[in-house]
């Protein structure tokens, strides 16, 4: 699959998994510049329905869970006579801390998409013509980030 086709698939996937827009397969295909049956095939082959359901888990929930794991580990260490982490425990804390930092600082394509979609939804009732003009610009912007 060429880069353009792969980028179109990634963009279609983001559109499909975005529950706030409730786009039809035809609308997704138009925005990703592919045929509707191509989108349908991607949905089936990629298991996008399951993915859409799994996106209920937010980044903030994951970060909170990681902090909980660090807290449990530290509390366990405090209950022992020797209150020093083992090498494995220290490594686990370092991995969890790195994961938290990455989750808190990196901006993913999904987040860019979410903010852009919110902006479009904000503009829609205020100036529908502007909203319609912005959609292709937004689509081009997202596609440029995927390339």
N, C-alpha and C. Protein backbone atom coordinates (compact mmCIF):
# COMPACT_ATOMS: atom_id res chain seq x y z
N UNK A 1 0.85 -1.17 0.00
CA UNK A 1 0.00 0.00 0.00
C UNK A 1 0.90 1.23 0.00
N UNK A 2 0.64 2.16 -0.91
CA UNK A 2 1.44 3.37 -1.01
C UNK A 2 1.21 4.29 0.17
N UNK A 3 2.08 5.29 0.31
CA UNK A 3 2.01 6.22 1.42
C UNK A 3 0.69 6.97 1.43
N UNK A 4 0.25 7.42 0.26
CA UNK A 4 -1.01 8.17 0.18
C UNK A 4 -2.18 7.29 0.63
N UNK A 5 -2.20 6.05 0.20
CA UNK A 5 -3.27 5.13 0.58
C UNK A 5 -3.22 4.84 2.08
N UNK A 6 -2.01 4.67 2.61
CA UNK A 6 -1.85 4.41 4.04
C UNK A 6 -2.30 5.62 4.85
N UNK A 7 -1.96 6.82 4.39
CA UNK A 7 -2.38 8.04 5.08
C UNK A 7 -3.90 8.18 5.03
N UNK A 8 -4.49 7.85 3.89
CA UNK A 8 -5.95 7.90 3.76
C UNK A 8 -6.60 6.92 4.73
N UNK A 9 -6.01 5.75 4.86
CA UNK A 9 -6.55 4.75 5.78
C UNK A 9 -6.46 5.25 7.22
N UNK A 10 -5.33 5.83 7.60
CA UNK A 10 -5.17 6.35 8.95
C UNK A 10 -6.18 7.45 9.24
N UNK A 11 -6.37 8.33 8.26
CA UNK A 11 -7.31 9.42 8.44
C UNK A 11 -8.74 8.89 8.55
N UNK A 12 -9.09 7.95 7.69
CA UNK A 12 -10.42 7.34 7.74
C UNK A 12 -10.63 6.66 9.10
N UNK A 13 -9.61 6.04 9.61
CA UNK A 13 -9.69 5.38 10.91
C UNK A 13 -9.98 6.40 12.02
N UNK A 14 -9.30 7.54 11.97
CA UNK A 14 -9.56 8.58 12.97
C UNK A 14 -10.99 9.10 12.86
N UNK A 15 -11.44 9.31 11.63
CA UNK A 15 -12.81 9.79 11.43
C UNK A 15 -13.83 8.78 11.94
N UNK A 16 -13.57 7.50 11.67
CA UNK A 16 -14.49 6.45 12.09
C UNK A 16 -14.55 6.32 13.61
N UNK A 17 -13.39 6.41 14.25
CA UNK A 17 -13.35 6.21 15.70
C UNK A 17 -13.78 7.45 16.49
N UNK A 18 -13.96 8.58 15.81
CA UNK A 18 -14.42 9.79 16.47
C UNK A 18 -15.93 9.73 16.64
N UNK A 19 -16.38 9.41 17.84
CA UNK A 19 -17.80 9.23 18.09
C UNK A 19 -18.58 10.54 18.03
N UNK A 20 -17.92 11.66 18.26
CA UNK A 20 -18.64 12.93 18.33
C UNK A 20 -19.22 13.35 16.98
N UNK A 21 -18.57 12.95 15.89
CA UNK A 21 -19.04 13.39 14.57
C UNK A 21 -20.12 12.50 13.99
N UNK A 22 -20.12 11.23 14.33
CA UNK A 22 -21.11 10.27 13.83
C UNK A 22 -21.22 10.32 12.30
N UNK A 23 -20.08 10.21 11.65
CA UNK A 23 -20.04 10.26 10.19
C UNK A 23 -20.45 8.93 9.57
N UNK A 24 -21.06 9.01 8.41
CA UNK A 24 -21.39 7.79 7.67
C UNK A 24 -20.14 7.31 6.94
N UNK A 25 -20.19 6.08 6.49
CA UNK A 25 -19.06 5.55 5.73
C UNK A 25 -18.83 6.38 4.47
N UNK A 26 -19.92 6.80 3.85
CA UNK A 26 -19.82 7.64 2.65
C UNK A 26 -19.11 8.97 2.97
N UNK A 27 -19.47 9.60 4.08
CA UNK A 27 -18.83 10.86 4.46
C UNK A 27 -17.35 10.67 4.78
N UNK A 28 -17.03 9.57 5.46
CA UNK A 28 -15.63 9.26 5.76
C UNK A 28 -14.86 9.06 4.46
N UNK A 29 -15.44 8.32 3.54
CA UNK A 29 -14.78 8.06 2.25
C UNK A 29 -14.53 9.36 1.49
N UNK A 30 -15.50 10.24 1.50
CA UNK A 30 -15.33 11.53 0.81
C UNK A 30 -14.18 12.32 1.42
N UNK A 31 -14.13 12.38 2.73
CA UNK A 31 -13.10 13.16 3.40
C UNK A 31 -11.72 12.54 3.25
N UNK A 32 -11.66 11.22 3.20
CA UNK A 32 -10.37 10.53 3.04
C UNK A 32 -10.00 10.34 1.56
N UNK A 33 -10.92 10.74 0.69
CA UNK A 33 -10.71 10.67 -0.76
C UNK A 33 -10.51 9.25 -1.26
N UNK A 34 -11.38 8.34 -0.77
CA UNK A 34 -11.40 6.95 -1.23
C UNK A 34 -12.85 6.54 -1.45
N UNK A 35 -13.05 5.33 -1.97
CA UNK A 35 -14.41 4.84 -2.20
C UNK A 35 -15.00 4.29 -0.90
N UNK A 36 -16.33 4.37 -0.75
CA UNK A 36 -16.96 3.84 0.47
C UNK A 36 -16.67 2.36 0.73
N UNK A 37 -16.62 1.55 -0.34
CA UNK A 37 -16.34 0.13 -0.11
C UNK A 37 -14.92 -0.09 0.42
N UNK A 38 -14.00 0.83 0.09
CA UNK A 38 -12.63 0.75 0.62
C UNK A 38 -12.68 0.97 2.13
N UNK A 39 -13.43 1.97 2.57
CA UNK A 39 -13.57 2.25 4.00
C UNK A 39 -14.21 1.05 4.71
N UNK A 40 -15.25 0.50 4.11
CA UNK A 40 -15.92 -0.67 4.71
C UNK A 40 -14.94 -1.83 4.88
N UNK A 41 -14.10 -2.05 3.88
CA UNK A 41 -13.10 -3.13 3.96
C UNK A 41 -12.10 -2.85 5.08
N UNK A 42 -11.65 -1.60 5.18
CA UNK A 42 -10.70 -1.24 6.24
C UNK A 42 -11.33 -1.47 7.62
N UNK A 43 -12.59 -1.11 7.76
CA UNK A 43 -13.29 -1.29 9.05
C UNK A 43 -13.31 -2.75 9.45
N UNK A 44 -13.66 -3.62 8.48
CA UNK A 44 -13.74 -5.06 8.77
C UNK A 44 -12.36 -5.65 9.04
N UNK A 45 -11.40 -5.38 8.13
CA UNK A 45 -10.07 -5.98 8.25
C UNK A 45 -9.30 -5.45 9.46
N UNK A 46 -9.51 -4.18 9.78
CA UNK A 46 -8.76 -3.56 10.87
C UNK A 46 -9.39 -3.67 12.24
N UNK A 47 -10.59 -4.22 12.30
CA UNK A 47 -11.27 -4.32 13.59
C UNK A 47 -11.57 -2.96 14.21
N UNK A 48 -11.95 -2.00 13.37
CA UNK A 48 -12.16 -0.63 13.84
C UNK A 48 -13.33 -0.51 14.80
N UNK A 49 -14.33 -1.36 14.68
CA UNK A 49 -15.47 -1.30 15.60
C UNK A 49 -14.99 -1.51 17.03
N UNK A 50 -14.14 -2.52 17.21
CA UNK A 50 -13.60 -2.82 18.53
C UNK A 50 -12.71 -1.67 19.01
N UNK A 51 -11.93 -1.11 18.09
CA UNK A 51 -11.06 0.01 18.43
C UNK A 51 -11.88 1.20 18.91
N UNK A 52 -12.97 1.49 18.21
CA UNK A 52 -13.82 2.63 18.58
C UNK A 52 -14.33 2.46 20.01
N UNK A 53 -14.70 1.25 20.37
CA UNK A 53 -15.17 0.99 21.73
C UNK A 53 -14.06 1.15 22.76
N UNK A 54 -12.85 0.73 22.38
CA UNK A 54 -11.74 0.79 23.33
C UNK A 54 -11.27 2.21 23.60
N UNK A 55 -11.63 3.15 22.75
CA UNK A 55 -11.18 4.53 22.92
C UNK A 55 -11.88 5.25 24.07
N UNK A 56 -12.76 4.55 24.75
CA UNK A 56 -13.40 5.12 25.93
C UNK A 56 -12.37 5.31 27.04
N UNK A 57 -11.27 4.60 26.94
CA UNK A 57 -10.20 4.74 27.92
C UNK A 57 -9.40 5.99 27.53
N UNK A 58 -9.41 6.97 28.40
CA UNK A 58 -8.75 8.23 28.09
C UNK A 58 -7.30 8.21 28.54
N UNK A 59 -6.54 9.12 27.98
CA UNK A 59 -5.14 9.28 28.36
C UNK A 59 -5.05 9.58 29.86
N UNK A 60 -5.95 10.43 30.35
CA UNK A 60 -5.92 10.80 31.75
C UNK A 60 -6.16 9.59 32.65
N UNK A 61 -7.02 8.68 32.24
CA UNK A 61 -7.24 7.45 33.01
C UNK A 61 -5.98 6.60 33.06
N UNK A 62 -5.30 6.50 31.94
CA UNK A 62 -4.07 5.70 31.88
C UNK A 62 -3.01 6.32 32.79
N UNK A 63 -2.85 7.64 32.73
CA UNK A 63 -1.87 8.32 33.57
C UNK A 63 -2.20 8.10 35.05
N UNK A 64 -3.46 8.23 35.39
CA UNK A 64 -3.89 8.02 36.78
C UNK A 64 -3.57 6.60 37.24
N UNK A 65 -3.82 5.62 36.38
CA UNK A 65 -3.51 4.23 36.71
C UNK A 65 -2.01 4.02 36.92
N UNK A 66 -1.19 4.67 36.10
CA UNK A 66 0.27 4.55 36.24
C UNK A 66 0.73 5.15 37.57
N UNK A 67 0.18 6.32 37.92
CA UNK A 67 0.50 6.92 39.22
C UNK A 67 0.09 5.99 40.36
N UNK A 68 -1.06 5.35 40.24
CA UNK A 68 -1.51 4.40 41.26
C UNK A 68 -0.52 3.24 41.41
N UNK A 69 -0.01 2.75 40.29
CA UNK A 69 0.94 1.64 40.34
C UNK A 69 2.22 2.05 41.06
N UNK A 70 2.69 3.25 40.79
CA UNK A 70 3.89 3.75 41.48
C UNK A 70 3.61 3.87 42.98
N UNK A 71 2.46 4.41 43.33
CA UNK A 71 2.09 4.57 44.73
C UNK A 71 2.02 3.22 45.44
N UNK A 72 1.40 2.21 44.82
CA UNK A 72 1.31 0.89 45.42
C UNK A 72 2.69 0.29 45.64
N UNK A 73 3.55 0.45 44.66
CA UNK A 73 4.90 -0.09 44.76
C UNK A 73 5.66 0.59 45.90
N UNK A 74 5.59 1.90 45.97
CA UNK A 74 6.28 2.64 47.03
C UNK A 74 5.71 2.28 48.41
N UNK A 75 4.40 2.17 48.50
CA UNK A 75 3.78 1.78 49.78
C UNK A 75 4.22 0.39 50.21
N UNK A 76 4.36 -0.52 49.23
CA UNK A 76 4.83 -1.87 49.54
C UNK A 76 6.26 -1.83 50.07
N UNK A 77 7.08 -1.01 49.45
CA UNK A 77 8.48 -0.88 49.89
C UNK A 77 8.54 -0.34 51.32
N UNK A 78 7.67 0.60 51.65
CA UNK A 78 7.66 1.23 52.98
C UNK A 78 7.28 0.24 54.09
N UNK A 79 6.56 -0.83 53.73
CA UNK A 79 6.12 -1.79 54.75
C UNK A 79 7.21 -2.78 55.14
N UNK A 80 8.27 -2.82 54.38
CA UNK A 80 9.34 -3.80 54.65
C UNK A 80 10.34 -3.25 55.67
N UNK A 81 11.11 -4.17 56.23
CA UNK A 81 12.17 -3.75 57.16
C UNK A 81 13.23 -2.93 56.44
N UNK A 82 13.63 -3.41 55.27
CA UNK A 82 14.61 -2.67 54.45
C UNK A 82 13.81 -1.89 53.42
N UNK A 83 13.80 -0.58 53.59
CA UNK A 83 12.93 0.29 52.80
C UNK A 83 13.63 0.81 51.55
N UNK A 84 14.30 -0.09 50.84
CA UNK A 84 14.98 0.25 49.60
C UNK A 84 14.42 -0.62 48.48
N UNK A 85 14.16 -0.01 47.36
CA UNK A 85 13.62 -0.75 46.22
C UNK A 85 14.67 -1.71 45.67
N UNK A 86 14.20 -2.86 45.23
CA UNK A 86 15.10 -3.79 44.55
C UNK A 86 15.41 -3.23 43.16
N UNK A 87 16.35 -3.83 42.48
CA UNK A 87 16.70 -3.38 41.13
C UNK A 87 15.48 -3.48 40.21
N UNK A 88 14.74 -4.56 40.32
CA UNK A 88 13.54 -4.74 39.49
C UNK A 88 12.49 -3.69 39.81
N UNK A 89 12.31 -3.40 41.10
CA UNK A 89 11.34 -2.38 41.48
C UNK A 89 11.76 -0.99 41.00
N UNK A 90 13.05 -0.70 41.12
CA UNK A 90 13.57 0.59 40.64
C UNK A 90 13.37 0.72 39.14
N UNK A 91 13.62 -0.35 38.42
CA UNK A 91 13.42 -0.36 36.97
C UNK A 91 11.95 -0.14 36.63
N UNK A 92 11.07 -0.80 37.37
CA UNK A 92 9.63 -0.64 37.14
C UNK A 92 9.20 0.81 37.38
N UNK A 93 9.68 1.42 38.46
CA UNK A 93 9.35 2.81 38.76
C UNK A 93 9.85 3.72 37.63
N UNK A 94 11.07 3.46 37.15
CA UNK A 94 11.63 4.28 36.07
C UNK A 94 10.80 4.15 34.79
N UNK A 95 10.38 2.95 34.47
CA UNK A 95 9.56 2.72 33.27
C UNK A 95 8.21 3.42 33.40
N UNK A 96 7.58 3.28 34.56
CA UNK A 96 6.29 3.93 34.79
C UNK A 96 6.42 5.45 34.71
N UNK A 97 7.47 5.99 35.31
CA UNK A 97 7.70 7.44 35.28
C UNK A 97 7.92 7.94 33.86
N UNK A 98 8.69 7.21 33.08
CA UNK A 98 8.93 7.58 31.68
C UNK A 98 7.63 7.54 30.89
N UNK A 99 6.83 6.53 31.14
CA UNK A 99 5.54 6.42 30.44
C UNK A 99 4.63 7.60 30.78
N UNK A 100 4.60 7.97 32.05
CA UNK A 100 3.78 9.11 32.47
C UNK A 100 4.26 10.39 31.79
N UNK A 101 5.56 10.60 31.80
CA UNK A 101 6.12 11.82 31.18
C UNK A 101 5.75 11.88 29.70
N UNK A 102 5.91 10.76 29.02
CA UNK A 102 5.59 10.72 27.59
C UNK A 102 4.10 11.00 27.36
N UNK A 103 3.26 10.40 28.15
CA UNK A 103 1.81 10.60 28.00
C UNK A 103 1.41 12.04 28.31
N UNK A 104 2.09 12.67 29.26
CA UNK A 104 1.75 14.03 29.65
C UNK A 104 2.29 15.09 28.69
N UNK A 105 3.32 14.76 27.92
CA UNK A 105 3.96 15.81 27.10
C UNK A 105 3.80 15.64 25.59
N UNK A 106 3.64 14.44 25.10
CA UNK A 106 3.53 14.25 23.65
C UNK A 106 2.13 14.56 23.16
N UNK A 107 2.07 15.19 22.00
CA UNK A 107 0.78 15.45 21.36
C UNK A 107 0.64 14.46 20.22
N UNK A 108 -0.37 13.66 20.30
CA UNK A 108 -0.58 12.64 19.27
C UNK A 108 -1.46 13.18 18.15
N UNK A 109 -1.44 12.49 17.04
CA UNK A 109 -2.31 12.84 15.92
C UNK A 109 -3.76 12.80 16.38
N UNK A 110 -4.09 11.86 17.24
CA UNK A 110 -5.47 11.75 17.73
C UNK A 110 -5.87 13.00 18.51
N UNK A 111 -4.96 13.54 19.30
CA UNK A 111 -5.26 14.75 20.06
C UNK A 111 -5.41 15.96 19.14
N UNK A 112 -4.54 16.05 18.14
CA UNK A 112 -4.65 17.13 17.16
C UNK A 112 -6.01 17.04 16.48
N UNK A 113 -6.37 15.83 16.11
CA UNK A 113 -7.66 15.59 15.46
C UNK A 113 -8.81 15.99 16.38
N UNK A 114 -8.71 15.61 17.65
CA UNK A 114 -9.78 15.92 18.61
C UNK A 114 -9.95 17.43 18.78
N UNK A 115 -8.86 18.16 18.90
CA UNK A 115 -8.93 19.61 19.05
C UNK A 115 -9.50 20.25 17.79
N UNK A 116 -9.03 19.80 16.62
CA UNK A 116 -9.53 20.34 15.36
C UNK A 116 -11.02 20.08 15.19
N UNK A 117 -11.44 18.89 15.55
CA UNK A 117 -12.86 18.54 15.45
C UNK A 117 -13.70 19.41 16.39
N UNK A 118 -13.19 19.65 17.59
CA UNK A 118 -13.90 20.52 18.53
C UNK A 118 -14.02 21.93 17.98
N UNK A 119 -12.95 22.41 17.35
CA UNK A 119 -13.00 23.75 16.74
C UNK A 119 -14.05 23.79 15.63
N UNK A 120 -14.07 22.77 14.79
CA UNK A 120 -15.07 22.72 13.72
C UNK A 120 -16.49 22.72 14.29
N UNK A 121 -16.71 21.92 15.32
CA UNK A 121 -18.04 21.86 15.94
C UNK A 121 -18.41 23.19 16.60
N UNK A 122 -17.42 23.90 17.12
CA UNK A 122 -17.65 25.21 17.71
C UNK A 122 -18.05 26.22 16.64
N UNK A 123 -17.36 26.16 15.49
CA UNK A 123 -17.61 27.11 14.40
C UNK A 123 -18.93 26.83 13.67
N UNK A 124 -19.34 25.59 13.62
CA UNK A 124 -20.49 25.17 12.82
C UNK A 124 -21.76 25.99 13.08
N UNK A 125 -22.21 26.14 14.33
CA UNK A 125 -23.45 26.90 14.52
C UNK A 125 -23.26 28.41 14.35
N UNK A 126 -22.04 28.88 14.50
CA UNK A 126 -21.78 30.32 14.39
C UNK A 126 -21.70 30.78 12.94
N UNK A 127 -21.03 29.97 12.12
CA UNK A 127 -20.82 30.36 10.72
C UNK A 127 -20.69 29.08 9.90
N UNK A 128 -21.81 28.59 9.41
CA UNK A 128 -21.83 27.31 8.71
C UNK A 128 -20.98 27.33 7.44
N UNK A 129 -20.95 28.45 6.74
CA UNK A 129 -20.14 28.54 5.53
C UNK A 129 -18.65 28.43 5.87
N UNK A 130 -18.24 29.08 6.95
CA UNK A 130 -16.85 28.96 7.40
C UNK A 130 -16.55 27.51 7.75
N UNK A 131 -17.45 26.88 8.46
CA UNK A 131 -17.31 25.47 8.83
C UNK A 131 -17.08 24.61 7.58
N UNK A 132 -17.90 24.83 6.56
CA UNK A 132 -17.78 24.05 5.32
C UNK A 132 -16.46 24.32 4.61
N UNK A 133 -15.97 25.55 4.68
CA UNK A 133 -14.69 25.88 4.05
C UNK A 133 -13.51 25.30 4.84
N UNK A 134 -13.68 25.20 6.15
CA UNK A 134 -12.59 24.71 6.99
C UNK A 134 -12.39 23.20 6.90
N UNK A 135 -13.45 22.44 6.63
CA UNK A 135 -13.34 20.98 6.61
C UNK A 135 -12.25 20.50 5.64
N UNK A 136 -12.23 20.96 4.37
CA UNK A 136 -11.15 20.49 3.49
C UNK A 136 -9.76 20.92 3.96
N UNK A 137 -9.68 22.12 4.56
CA UNK A 137 -8.39 22.59 5.07
C UNK A 137 -7.95 21.69 6.23
N UNK A 138 -8.88 21.37 7.09
CA UNK A 138 -8.60 20.49 8.22
C UNK A 138 -8.16 19.11 7.72
N UNK A 139 -8.87 18.59 6.72
CA UNK A 139 -8.52 17.30 6.14
C UNK A 139 -7.10 17.31 5.58
N UNK A 140 -6.76 18.38 4.87
CA UNK A 140 -5.39 18.50 4.31
C UNK A 140 -4.35 18.58 5.44
N UNK A 141 -4.68 19.32 6.49
CA UNK A 141 -3.76 19.46 7.63
C UNK A 141 -3.51 18.09 8.27
N UNK A 142 -4.56 17.35 8.54
CA UNK A 142 -4.41 16.03 9.16
C UNK A 142 -3.61 15.10 8.24
N UNK A 143 -3.94 15.13 6.95
CA UNK A 143 -3.19 14.28 6.00
C UNK A 143 -1.71 14.66 5.97
N UNK A 144 -1.40 15.95 6.13
CA UNK A 144 0.01 16.37 6.14
C UNK A 144 0.73 15.83 7.37
N UNK A 145 0.01 15.70 8.49
CA UNK A 145 0.61 15.16 9.71
C UNK A 145 0.82 13.65 9.62
N UNK A 146 0.03 12.99 8.80
CA UNK A 146 0.13 11.54 8.63
C UNK A 146 1.23 11.13 7.67
N UNK A 147 1.65 12.06 6.83
CA UNK A 147 2.66 11.72 5.80
C UNK A 147 4.06 11.73 6.36
